[in-house]
N, C-alpha and C. Protein backbone atom coordinates (compact mmCIF):
# COMPACT_ATOMS: atom_id res chain seq x y z
N MET A 1 -59.93 141.93 42.30
CA MET A 1 -61.14 141.49 40.82
C MET A 1 -61.25 142.75 40.14
N PHE A 2 -61.16 142.37 39.00
CA PHE A 2 -61.62 143.78 38.05
C PHE A 2 -62.46 143.38 36.96
N LEU A 3 -63.60 143.97 37.12
CA LEU A 3 -64.77 143.84 36.18
C LEU A 3 -65.00 145.17 35.36
N THR A 4 -65.16 145.27 34.08
CA THR A 4 -65.51 146.10 33.18
C THR A 4 -67.19 146.29 33.08
N VAL A 5 -67.61 147.17 31.94
CA VAL A 5 -69.07 147.17 31.72
C VAL A 5 -69.49 146.15 30.91
N ASP A 6 -70.55 145.83 30.86
CA ASP A 6 -71.67 144.89 29.84
C ASP A 6 -70.95 143.29 30.07
N ILE A 7 -70.91 143.04 31.28
CA ILE A 7 -70.46 141.53 31.44
C ILE A 7 -71.83 140.73 31.99
N GLN A 8 -72.03 139.74 31.54
CA GLN A 8 -73.23 139.07 32.18
C GLN A 8 -72.97 137.59 32.77
N LEU A 9 -72.90 137.49 34.10
CA LEU A 9 -72.90 136.29 35.05
C LEU A 9 -73.91 135.57 35.22
N ASP A 10 -74.22 134.33 34.91
CA ASP A 10 -75.48 133.90 35.23
C ASP A 10 -75.34 133.42 36.76
N ASP A 11 -76.41 132.58 36.92
CA ASP A 11 -76.32 132.30 38.62
C ASP A 11 -75.29 131.45 38.82
N PHE A 12 -75.04 131.58 40.11
CA PHE A 12 -73.78 130.63 40.86
C PHE A 12 -72.75 130.45 40.34
N VAL A 13 -72.35 131.77 39.38
CA VAL A 13 -70.69 131.90 39.19
C VAL A 13 -70.05 132.18 40.27
N TYR A 14 -68.73 131.85 40.06
CA TYR A 14 -67.55 131.94 41.28
C TYR A 14 -66.34 132.59 40.50
N LEU A 15 -65.83 133.93 40.96
CA LEU A 15 -64.82 134.52 40.58
C LEU A 15 -64.21 134.64 41.71
N ASN A 16 -62.66 134.09 41.38
CA ASN A 16 -61.97 134.14 42.76
C ASN A 16 -61.17 135.60 42.63
N THR A 17 -60.44 135.74 43.55
CA THR A 17 -59.42 136.78 43.75
C THR A 17 -58.47 137.27 42.40
N ALA A 18 -58.25 138.46 42.07
CA ALA A 18 -57.13 138.80 41.22
C ALA A 18 -57.71 138.62 39.67
N THR A 19 -58.93 138.39 39.60
CA THR A 19 -59.44 137.83 38.20
C THR A 19 -59.82 139.34 37.43
N ILE A 20 -59.53 139.37 36.13
CA ILE A 20 -59.86 140.18 35.09
C ILE A 20 -60.56 139.76 34.24
N ILE A 21 -61.99 140.74 34.03
CA ILE A 21 -63.09 140.13 33.00
C ILE A 21 -63.32 141.62 32.39
N SER A 22 -63.05 141.43 31.03
CA SER A 22 -63.35 142.66 30.08
C SER A 22 -65.16 142.42 29.65
N HIS A 23 -65.01 143.88 29.06
CA HIS A 23 -66.35 144.10 28.60
C HIS A 23 -66.82 143.14 27.34
N ASN A 24 -68.59 143.06 27.48
CA ASN A 24 -69.02 141.99 26.42
C ASN A 24 -68.66 140.42 26.55
N THR A 25 -68.75 140.09 28.01
CA THR A 25 -68.21 138.83 28.18
C THR A 25 -69.26 138.47 28.95
N LYS A 26 -69.73 136.82 28.49
CA LYS A 26 -70.87 136.09 29.18
C LYS A 26 -70.44 134.83 29.81
N ILE A 27 -70.70 134.80 31.16
CA ILE A 27 -70.29 133.57 31.68
C ILE A 27 -71.62 132.78 32.29
N GLY A 28 -71.34 131.34 32.02
CA GLY A 28 -72.60 130.65 32.31
C GLY A 28 -72.77 130.12 33.60
N GLU A 29 -73.78 129.78 34.16
CA GLU A 29 -74.07 129.26 35.14
C GLU A 29 -73.18 128.23 36.02
N TYR A 30 -72.95 128.04 37.32
CA TYR A 30 -71.98 127.36 37.97
C TYR A 30 -70.77 127.14 37.37
N SER A 31 -70.19 128.30 36.75
CA SER A 31 -69.18 128.11 36.18
C SER A 31 -67.71 128.48 37.32
N ILE A 32 -66.89 128.45 37.50
CA ILE A 32 -65.86 128.66 38.12
C ILE A 32 -64.52 129.38 37.68
N ILE A 33 -63.84 130.57 38.15
CA ILE A 33 -63.38 131.29 37.35
C ILE A 33 -61.91 131.40 38.87
N MET A 34 -60.71 130.82 38.55
CA MET A 34 -59.78 130.50 39.66
C MET A 34 -58.88 132.23 39.76
N PRO A 35 -58.33 132.10 40.57
CA PRO A 35 -57.17 133.63 40.68
C PRO A 35 -56.41 133.95 39.53
N THR A 36 -56.23 134.99 39.54
CA THR A 36 -55.20 135.69 38.47
C THR A 36 -55.57 135.01 36.78
N THR A 37 -56.77 134.74 36.66
CA THR A 37 -57.40 134.59 35.41
C THR A 37 -57.78 135.81 34.65
N SER A 38 -57.31 135.83 33.61
CA SER A 38 -57.61 137.32 32.48
C SER A 38 -58.28 136.64 31.28
N ILE A 39 -59.72 137.41 31.12
CA ILE A 39 -60.67 137.04 30.03
C ILE A 39 -60.80 138.19 29.41
N SER A 40 -60.54 138.16 27.80
CA SER A 40 -60.84 139.16 27.16
C SER A 40 -61.93 139.63 26.46
N THR A 41 -62.24 140.39 25.77
CA THR A 41 -63.12 141.04 25.49
C THR A 41 -64.29 140.22 24.36
N GLY A 42 -65.26 140.01 24.95
CA GLY A 42 -66.48 139.25 23.89
C GLY A 42 -66.46 137.74 24.00
N ALA A 43 -65.81 137.40 25.38
CA ALA A 43 -66.01 135.79 25.34
C ALA A 43 -67.05 135.12 26.10
N ILE A 44 -67.13 134.27 25.41
CA ILE A 44 -68.36 133.47 25.91
C ILE A 44 -68.14 132.27 26.49
N ILE A 45 -68.51 132.16 27.62
CA ILE A 45 -68.00 130.92 28.49
C ILE A 45 -69.22 130.03 28.95
N GLY A 46 -69.39 129.05 28.45
CA GLY A 46 -70.49 127.88 28.86
C GLY A 46 -70.69 127.95 30.34
N LYS A 47 -71.99 126.76 30.64
CA LYS A 47 -72.33 126.40 31.83
C LYS A 47 -71.11 125.29 32.27
N ARG A 48 -71.13 125.51 33.96
CA ARG A 48 -70.17 124.70 34.38
C ARG A 48 -68.81 124.31 34.07
N VAL A 49 -68.12 125.61 33.86
CA VAL A 49 -66.94 125.57 32.91
C VAL A 49 -65.88 125.79 34.29
N CYS A 50 -64.79 125.38 34.49
CA CYS A 50 -63.75 125.48 35.22
C CYS A 50 -62.42 125.93 34.56
N ILE A 51 -62.28 127.32 35.02
CA ILE A 51 -60.98 127.97 34.32
C ILE A 51 -59.63 127.58 35.59
N GLY A 52 -58.93 127.23 35.29
CA GLY A 52 -57.79 126.97 36.28
C GLY A 52 -56.78 128.45 36.66
N ASN A 53 -56.13 128.66 37.50
CA ASN A 53 -55.14 129.65 38.09
C ASN A 53 -54.56 130.01 36.89
N GLY A 54 -54.17 131.72 36.51
CA GLY A 54 -53.42 132.22 35.70
C GLY A 54 -53.79 131.97 34.06
N THR A 55 -54.87 131.41 33.78
CA THR A 55 -55.13 131.38 32.56
C THR A 55 -55.42 132.49 31.94
N LYS A 56 -55.20 132.85 31.01
CA LYS A 56 -55.47 134.06 30.00
C LYS A 56 -56.19 133.75 28.59
N ILE A 57 -57.30 134.16 28.53
CA ILE A 57 -58.12 133.94 27.35
C ILE A 57 -57.87 135.36 26.42
N ASP A 58 -57.21 135.16 25.39
CA ASP A 58 -56.41 136.69 24.54
C ASP A 58 -57.65 136.91 23.51
N MET A 59 -58.36 136.10 22.71
CA MET A 59 -59.32 136.61 21.87
C MET A 59 -60.96 136.49 22.46
N PRO A 60 -61.78 137.01 21.52
CA PRO A 60 -63.18 136.85 21.86
C PRO A 60 -63.34 135.28 21.41
N MET A 61 -64.06 134.59 21.96
CA MET A 61 -63.91 133.19 21.51
C MET A 61 -65.12 132.56 22.56
N SER A 62 -65.72 131.42 22.18
CA SER A 62 -66.39 130.60 22.89
C SER A 62 -65.93 129.31 23.60
N ILE A 63 -66.23 129.04 24.70
CA ILE A 63 -65.93 127.93 25.57
C ILE A 63 -66.97 126.82 25.75
N LYS A 64 -67.37 125.89 25.24
CA LYS A 64 -68.21 124.99 25.58
C LYS A 64 -68.95 124.93 26.78
N ASP A 65 -69.90 124.01 26.87
CA ASP A 65 -70.38 123.69 28.68
C ASP A 65 -69.19 122.83 28.99
N ASP A 66 -69.34 122.47 30.21
CA ASP A 66 -68.63 121.24 30.90
C ASP A 66 -67.06 121.15 30.52
N THR A 67 -66.56 122.30 30.51
CA THR A 67 -64.91 122.43 29.80
C THR A 67 -63.80 122.49 31.08
N VAL A 68 -63.02 122.22 30.99
CA VAL A 68 -61.95 122.36 32.18
C VAL A 68 -60.73 122.74 31.69
N ILE A 69 -60.57 123.88 31.96
CA ILE A 69 -59.21 124.76 31.54
C ILE A 69 -57.82 124.61 32.53
N LYS A 70 -57.10 123.93 32.14
CA LYS A 70 -55.78 123.79 33.11
C LYS A 70 -55.41 125.25 33.59
N ALA A 71 -54.73 124.96 34.65
CA ALA A 71 -54.11 126.45 35.37
C ALA A 71 -52.89 126.56 34.19
N GLY A 72 -52.72 127.93 34.26
CA GLY A 72 -51.44 128.61 33.22
C GLY A 72 -51.90 128.37 31.74
N THR A 73 -52.77 127.97 31.34
CA THR A 73 -53.15 128.02 29.94
C THR A 73 -53.40 129.35 29.11
N VAL A 74 -52.99 129.25 28.00
CA VAL A 74 -53.12 130.95 27.20
C VAL A 74 -53.91 130.09 25.91
N LEU A 75 -55.17 130.79 25.93
CA LEU A 75 -55.99 130.53 24.70
C LEU A 75 -56.07 132.12 23.78
N SER A 76 -55.46 131.15 22.33
CA SER A 76 -55.71 132.54 21.47
C SER A 76 -56.43 132.19 20.40
N LYS A 77 -57.04 131.05 20.29
CA LYS A 77 -57.82 130.69 19.10
C LYS A 77 -58.99 129.91 19.18
N ASN A 78 -60.34 129.90 18.80
CA ASN A 78 -61.38 129.30 19.31
C ASN A 78 -61.22 127.94 19.03
């Protein structure tokens, strides 16, 4: 797991192995980040979000509450 500075993790966030989270990122409560996920600078992830294995979030973006992102997804637009 690789975490940089200025990351806000709310209560009960689960980060799995080999996760990369860049600076200025916020992850809402009860969210789950699966292995080998990469989250770029400035992402805002809502509450109760599940992000699947190997997902890449390449741009600063907002992900709404209760979202499920399937494994291997590459997000490059909001």
